[in-house]
């Protein structure tokens, strides 16, 4: 899958309220870098950050997979700026995929959130 194909897949898969103007900056088949933007006047809520983490994890692991386990650690308050998400597959074992995602406010310097998840293909 190319960056353009992942972008189209995300645009088709996500409902409008969870899209946050997602833009695929990099994709190499295992590692993904996404940028999410706020609408004018909005702030990042906890629910929105969880949505970004879920989207980022699924972009790396596969959008069609069923979530088995999710662990999220909020490391610091999100700034009112674009969020950068770096996600990758940690391990593939048969029908189970383990992935992680790091969310950063504006630049990939100090993380805002870290998430790990296990997914299963039905």
N, C-alpha and C. Protein backbone atom coordinates (compact mmCIF):
# COMPACT_ATOMS: atom_id res chain seq x y z
N UNK A 1 0.85 -1.17 0.00
CA UNK A 1 0.00 0.00 0.00
C UNK A 1 0.90 1.24 0.00
N UNK A 2 0.52 2.22 -0.76
CA UNK A 2 1.27 3.48 -0.83
C UNK A 2 0.68 4.49 0.16
N UNK A 3 1.37 5.62 0.34
CA UNK A 3 0.86 6.68 1.19
C UNK A 3 -0.49 7.19 0.69
N UNK A 4 -0.61 7.33 -0.63
CA UNK A 4 -1.85 7.81 -1.22
C UNK A 4 -2.99 6.82 -0.99
N UNK A 5 -2.71 5.52 -1.09
CA UNK A 5 -3.73 4.51 -0.86
C UNK A 5 -4.15 4.47 0.61
N UNK A 6 -3.19 4.61 1.53
CA UNK A 6 -3.54 4.66 2.95
C UNK A 6 -4.38 5.91 3.23
N UNK A 7 -4.03 7.04 2.63
CA UNK A 7 -4.81 8.26 2.82
C UNK A 7 -6.25 8.05 2.38
N UNK A 8 -6.46 7.47 1.21
CA UNK A 8 -7.81 7.21 0.71
C UNK A 8 -8.55 6.24 1.62
N UNK A 9 -7.86 5.20 2.08
CA UNK A 9 -8.47 4.22 2.96
C UNK A 9 -8.91 4.87 4.27
N UNK A 10 -8.06 5.72 4.85
CA UNK A 10 -8.42 6.42 6.08
C UNK A 10 -9.60 7.36 5.85
N UNK A 11 -9.58 8.09 4.74
CA UNK A 11 -10.68 9.01 4.43
C UNK A 11 -12.00 8.26 4.29
N UNK A 12 -11.96 7.07 3.71
CA UNK A 12 -13.18 6.26 3.54
C UNK A 12 -13.61 5.60 4.84
N UNK A 13 -12.66 5.19 5.66
CA UNK A 13 -12.92 4.41 6.88
C UNK A 13 -13.43 5.27 8.03
N UNK A 14 -12.83 6.46 8.21
CA UNK A 14 -13.15 7.29 9.37
C UNK A 14 -14.42 8.09 9.18
N UNK A 15 -15.20 8.18 10.24
CA UNK A 15 -16.36 9.07 10.22
C UNK A 15 -15.84 10.50 10.35
N UNK A 16 -16.61 11.45 9.90
CA UNK A 16 -16.15 12.84 9.85
C UNK A 16 -15.68 13.36 11.20
N UNK A 17 -16.38 12.99 12.28
CA UNK A 17 -16.02 13.51 13.61
C UNK A 17 -14.68 12.97 14.11
N UNK A 18 -14.18 11.88 13.52
CA UNK A 18 -12.91 11.29 13.95
C UNK A 18 -11.77 11.55 12.96
N UNK A 19 -12.06 12.26 11.89
CA UNK A 19 -11.06 12.46 10.83
C UNK A 19 -9.99 13.46 11.21
N UNK A 20 -10.37 14.58 11.80
CA UNK A 20 -9.42 15.62 12.24
C UNK A 20 -8.42 15.97 11.14
N UNK A 21 -8.89 16.06 9.90
CA UNK A 21 -8.04 16.39 8.75
C UNK A 21 -6.77 15.56 8.70
N UNK A 22 -6.91 14.26 8.94
CA UNK A 22 -5.75 13.37 8.98
C UNK A 22 -5.01 13.43 7.65
N UNK A 23 -3.69 13.48 7.73
CA UNK A 23 -2.83 13.52 6.55
C UNK A 23 -1.71 12.50 6.74
N UNK A 24 -1.55 11.60 5.80
CA UNK A 24 -0.48 10.61 5.86
C UNK A 24 0.81 11.27 5.39
N UNK A 25 1.74 11.47 6.31
CA UNK A 25 3.02 12.08 5.95
C UNK A 25 4.02 11.05 5.46
N UNK A 26 4.04 9.88 6.10
CA UNK A 26 4.96 8.81 5.70
C UNK A 26 4.31 7.46 5.95
N UNK A 27 4.61 6.49 5.09
CA UNK A 27 4.14 5.12 5.28
C UNK A 27 5.08 4.19 4.54
N UNK A 28 5.63 3.21 5.26
CA UNK A 28 6.54 2.27 4.59
C UNK A 28 6.10 0.82 4.75
N UNK A 29 4.84 0.61 5.09
CA UNK A 29 4.34 -0.75 5.23
C UNK A 29 4.30 -1.22 6.67
N UNK A 30 5.15 -0.66 7.52
CA UNK A 30 5.14 -1.03 8.94
C UNK A 30 5.12 0.20 9.83
N UNK A 31 5.83 1.25 9.46
CA UNK A 31 5.86 2.49 10.23
C UNK A 31 4.99 3.54 9.54
N UNK A 32 4.24 4.28 10.35
CA UNK A 32 3.31 5.28 9.81
C UNK A 32 3.51 6.59 10.56
N UNK A 33 3.48 7.69 9.82
CA UNK A 33 3.49 9.03 10.43
C UNK A 33 2.27 9.77 9.91
N UNK A 34 1.39 10.16 10.84
CA UNK A 34 0.16 10.87 10.50
C UNK A 34 0.18 12.24 11.15
N UNK A 35 -0.49 13.20 10.52
CA UNK A 35 -0.68 14.53 11.10
C UNK A 35 -2.19 14.77 11.21
N UNK A 36 -2.61 15.21 12.41
CA UNK A 36 -4.02 15.53 12.65
C UNK A 36 -4.10 17.02 12.98
N UNK A 37 -5.15 17.68 12.48
CA UNK A 37 -5.30 19.12 12.70
C UNK A 37 -6.62 19.42 13.41
N UNK A 38 -6.59 20.45 14.23
CA UNK A 38 -7.78 20.94 14.90
C UNK A 38 -8.54 21.90 13.99
N UNK A 39 -9.84 21.91 14.14
CA UNK A 39 -10.65 22.94 13.48
C UNK A 39 -10.45 24.23 14.28
N UNK A 40 -10.60 25.39 13.66
CA UNK A 40 -10.42 26.65 14.38
C UNK A 40 -11.32 26.71 15.63
N UNK A 41 -10.71 27.10 16.75
CA UNK A 41 -11.45 27.23 18.01
C UNK A 41 -11.58 25.95 18.81
N UNK A 42 -11.15 24.81 18.28
CA UNK A 42 -11.26 23.54 19.00
C UNK A 42 -10.02 23.30 19.86
N UNK A 43 -10.18 22.37 20.82
CA UNK A 43 -9.09 21.92 21.68
C UNK A 43 -9.09 20.39 21.63
N UNK A 44 -7.95 19.79 21.94
CA UNK A 44 -7.87 18.34 21.98
C UNK A 44 -8.47 17.82 23.29
N UNK A 45 -9.57 17.10 23.20
CA UNK A 45 -10.18 16.47 24.37
C UNK A 45 -9.57 15.08 24.56
N UNK A 46 -9.82 14.48 25.69
CA UNK A 46 -9.35 13.11 25.94
C UNK A 46 -9.95 12.16 24.92
N UNK A 47 -11.23 12.34 24.61
CA UNK A 47 -11.89 11.48 23.63
C UNK A 47 -11.26 11.62 22.25
N UNK A 48 -10.92 12.85 21.87
CA UNK A 48 -10.28 13.06 20.57
C UNK A 48 -8.91 12.41 20.53
N UNK A 49 -8.14 12.52 21.63
CA UNK A 49 -6.81 11.91 21.67
C UNK A 49 -6.91 10.39 21.58
N UNK A 50 -7.90 9.79 22.23
CA UNK A 50 -8.10 8.34 22.12
C UNK A 50 -8.44 7.96 20.69
N UNK A 51 -9.22 8.79 20.03
CA UNK A 51 -9.56 8.54 18.62
C UNK A 51 -8.31 8.61 17.74
N UNK A 52 -7.44 9.58 18.00
CA UNK A 52 -6.21 9.69 17.23
C UNK A 52 -5.31 8.47 17.46
N UNK A 53 -5.22 8.03 18.72
CA UNK A 53 -4.42 6.85 19.03
C UNK A 53 -4.97 5.63 18.32
N UNK A 54 -6.28 5.44 18.35
CA UNK A 54 -6.92 4.30 17.67
C UNK A 54 -6.66 4.34 16.16
N UNK A 55 -6.84 5.50 15.56
CA UNK A 55 -6.60 5.65 14.13
C UNK A 55 -5.15 5.34 13.78
N UNK A 56 -4.23 5.85 14.60
CA UNK A 56 -2.80 5.64 14.34
C UNK A 56 -2.42 4.17 14.47
N UNK A 57 -2.92 3.52 15.50
CA UNK A 57 -2.64 2.09 15.69
C UNK A 57 -3.19 1.27 14.54
N UNK A 58 -4.41 1.57 14.13
CA UNK A 58 -5.04 0.82 13.03
C UNK A 58 -4.36 1.11 11.69
N UNK A 59 -3.85 2.31 11.51
CA UNK A 59 -3.14 2.63 10.26
C UNK A 59 -1.91 1.73 10.12
N UNK A 60 -1.26 1.42 11.24
CA UNK A 60 -0.09 0.54 11.19
C UNK A 60 -0.47 -0.93 11.13
N UNK A 61 -1.45 -1.34 11.93
CA UNK A 61 -1.80 -2.76 12.08
C UNK A 61 -2.79 -3.26 11.04
N UNK A 62 -3.64 -2.36 10.55
CA UNK A 62 -4.68 -2.75 9.60
C UNK A 62 -6.03 -2.27 10.09
N UNK A 63 -6.74 -1.57 9.26
CA UNK A 63 -8.02 -0.97 9.66
C UNK A 63 -9.12 -1.99 9.90
N UNK A 64 -9.00 -3.16 9.29
CA UNK A 64 -10.06 -4.16 9.37
C UNK A 64 -9.92 -5.10 10.56
N UNK A 65 -9.00 -4.86 11.44
CA UNK A 65 -8.74 -5.78 12.56
C UNK A 65 -9.61 -5.44 13.77
N UNK A 66 -9.86 -6.46 14.59
CA UNK A 66 -10.66 -6.32 15.81
C UNK A 66 -9.72 -6.06 16.98
N UNK A 67 -10.03 -5.06 17.78
CA UNK A 67 -9.21 -4.69 18.93
C UNK A 67 -9.37 -5.72 20.03
N UNK A 68 -8.24 -6.23 20.54
CA UNK A 68 -8.24 -7.17 21.65
C UNK A 68 -7.85 -6.49 22.96
N UNK A 69 -6.86 -5.61 22.90
CA UNK A 69 -6.32 -4.99 24.11
C UNK A 69 -5.77 -3.61 23.75
N UNK A 70 -6.00 -2.65 24.63
CA UNK A 70 -5.50 -1.29 24.43
C UNK A 70 -4.99 -0.73 25.76
N UNK A 71 -3.79 -0.20 25.74
CA UNK A 71 -3.22 0.47 26.91
C UNK A 71 -2.80 1.87 26.47
N UNK A 72 -3.24 2.87 27.22
CA UNK A 72 -2.93 4.26 26.89
C UNK A 72 -2.32 4.94 28.11
N UNK A 73 -1.23 5.65 27.90
CA UNK A 73 -0.61 6.45 28.95
C UNK A 73 -0.54 7.89 28.46
N UNK A 74 -1.20 8.78 29.19
CA UNK A 74 -1.11 10.22 28.87
C UNK A 74 0.11 10.75 29.61
N UNK A 75 1.02 11.33 28.85
CA UNK A 75 2.29 11.78 29.41
C UNK A 75 2.32 13.27 29.73
N UNK A 76 1.57 14.05 28.98
CA UNK A 76 1.47 15.49 29.25
C UNK A 76 0.26 16.03 28.49
N UNK A 77 -0.16 17.21 28.89
CA UNK A 77 -1.33 17.84 28.26
C UNK A 77 -1.03 18.19 26.81
N UNK A 78 -2.00 17.94 25.96
CA UNK A 78 -1.85 18.26 24.54
C UNK A 78 -1.94 19.78 24.33
N UNK A 79 -1.11 20.28 23.46
CA UNK A 79 -1.17 21.70 23.09
C UNK A 79 -2.22 21.88 22.00
N UNK A 80 -2.71 23.07 21.85
CA UNK A 80 -3.68 23.38 20.79
C UNK A 80 -2.95 23.59 19.48
N UNK A 81 -2.44 22.51 18.94
CA UNK A 81 -1.67 22.54 17.70
C UNK A 81 -1.87 21.21 17.00
N UNK A 82 -1.33 21.08 15.80
CA UNK A 82 -1.40 19.80 15.09
C UNK A 82 -0.80 18.71 15.96
N UNK A 83 -1.36 17.51 15.84
CA UNK A 83 -0.80 16.34 16.53
C UNK A 83 -0.11 15.48 15.50
N UNK A 84 1.09 15.04 15.82
CA UNK A 84 1.85 14.11 14.99
C UNK A 84 1.75 12.74 15.66
N UNK A 85 1.44 11.73 14.88
CA UNK A 85 1.37 10.37 15.40
C UNK A 85 2.38 9.50 14.67
N UNK A 86 3.21 8.82 15.45
CA UNK A 86 4.15 7.84 14.91
C UNK A 86 3.70 6.49 15.41
N UNK A 87 3.39 5.58 14.49
CA UNK A 87 2.93 4.26 14.90
C UNK A 87 3.65 3.19 14.10
N UNK A 88 3.71 2.00 14.71
CA UNK A 88 4.40 0.91 14.03
C UNK A 88 3.91 -0.42 14.56
N UNK A 89 4.09 -1.44 13.76
CA UNK A 89 3.81 -2.80 14.17
C UNK A 89 5.01 -3.29 14.98
N UNK A 90 4.75 -3.83 16.15
CA UNK A 90 5.80 -4.38 16.99
C UNK A 90 6.01 -5.85 16.68
N UNK A 91 4.90 -6.58 16.49
CA UNK A 91 4.98 -8.02 16.27
C UNK A 91 3.75 -8.52 15.54
N UNK A 92 3.97 -9.45 14.64
CA UNK A 92 2.88 -10.17 13.97
C UNK A 92 3.03 -11.63 14.35
N UNK A 93 1.95 -12.23 14.83
CA UNK A 93 1.97 -13.63 15.24
C UNK A 93 0.66 -14.29 14.79
N UNK A 94 0.68 -14.86 13.60
CA UNK A 94 -0.53 -15.46 13.05
C UNK A 94 -1.59 -14.41 12.79
N UNK A 95 -2.72 -14.54 13.48
CA UNK A 95 -3.82 -13.60 13.28
C UNK A 95 -3.76 -12.40 14.22
N UNK A 96 -2.76 -12.37 15.12
CA UNK A 96 -2.63 -11.28 16.09
C UNK A 96 -1.51 -10.33 15.67
N UNK A 97 -1.80 -9.03 15.76
CA UNK A 97 -0.82 -7.97 15.47
C UNK A 97 -0.73 -7.07 16.69
N UNK A 98 0.49 -6.80 17.13
CA UNK A 98 0.74 -5.86 18.23
C UNK A 98 1.35 -4.59 17.64
N UNK A 99 0.83 -3.45 18.09
CA UNK A 99 1.29 -2.17 17.55
C UNK A 99 1.43 -1.16 18.67
N UNK A 100 2.19 -0.09 18.39
CA UNK A 100 2.31 1.02 19.33
C UNK A 100 2.19 2.33 18.58
N UNK A 101 1.78 3.37 19.31
CA UNK A 101 1.67 4.70 18.73
C UNK A 101 2.14 5.73 19.76
N UNK A 102 2.83 6.74 19.26
CA UNK A 102 3.26 7.89 20.06
C UNK A 102 2.59 9.11 19.46
N UNK A 103 1.96 9.95 20.27
CA UNK A 103 1.37 11.20 19.82
C UNK A 103 2.18 12.36 20.37
N UNK A 104 2.43 13.33 19.51
CA UNK A 104 3.22 14.51 19.86
C UNK A 104 2.44 15.76 19.48
N UNK A 105 2.54 16.80 20.32
CA UNK A 105 1.94 18.08 19.98
C UNK A 105 2.88 18.84 19.06
N UNK A 106 2.47 19.06 17.84
CA UNK A 106 3.14 19.87 16.82
C UNK A 106 4.44 19.29 16.27
N UNK A 107 5.37 18.85 17.09
CA UNK A 107 6.65 18.32 16.60
C UNK A 107 7.01 17.06 17.40
N UNK A 108 7.72 16.17 16.76
CA UNK A 108 8.10 14.92 17.42
C UNK A 108 9.28 15.13 18.35
N UNK A 109 9.03 15.83 19.47
CA UNK A 109 10.09 16.09 20.44
C UNK A 109 9.74 15.43 21.77
N UNK A 110 8.69 15.92 22.44
CA UNK A 110 8.25 15.34 23.71
C UNK A 110 6.86 14.75 23.52
N UNK A 111 6.69 13.46 23.78
CA UNK A 111 5.39 12.82 23.53
C UNK A 111 4.30 13.28 24.48
N UNK A 112 3.10 13.32 23.95
CA UNK A 112 1.90 13.65 24.71
C UNK A 112 1.22 12.38 25.21
N UNK A 113 1.25 11.34 24.40
CA UNK A 113 0.53 10.11 24.71
C UNK A 113 1.26 8.92 24.10
N UNK A 114 1.22 7.79 24.78
CA UNK A 114 1.75 6.53 24.24
C UNK A 114 0.65 5.48 24.35
N UNK A 115 0.48 4.69 23.30
CA UNK A 115 -0.54 3.64 23.30
C UNK A 115 0.02 2.38 22.70
N UNK A 116 -0.38 1.24 23.25
CA UNK A 116 -0.08 -0.06 22.68
C UNK A 116 -1.39 -0.81 22.52
N UNK A 117 -1.44 -1.67 21.52
CA UNK A 117 -2.67 -2.42 21.27
C UNK A 117 -2.36 -3.76 20.62
N UNK A 118 -3.28 -4.67 20.85
CA UNK A 118 -3.26 -5.97 20.15
C UNK A 118 -4.53 -6.05 19.33
N UNK A 119 -4.38 -6.48 18.10
CA UNK A 119 -5.49 -6.63 17.17
C UNK A 119 -5.54 -8.06 16.65
N UNK A 120 -6.71 -8.47 16.21
CA UNK A 120 -6.88 -9.81 15.67
C UNK A 120 -7.63 -9.72 14.34
N UNK A 121 -7.23 -10.56 13.41
CA UNK A 121 -7.97 -10.71 12.17
C UNK A 121 -8.99 -11.80 12.37
N UNK A 122 -10.25 -11.51 12.06
CA UNK A 122 -11.30 -12.53 12.19
C UNK A 122 -11.27 -13.51 11.07
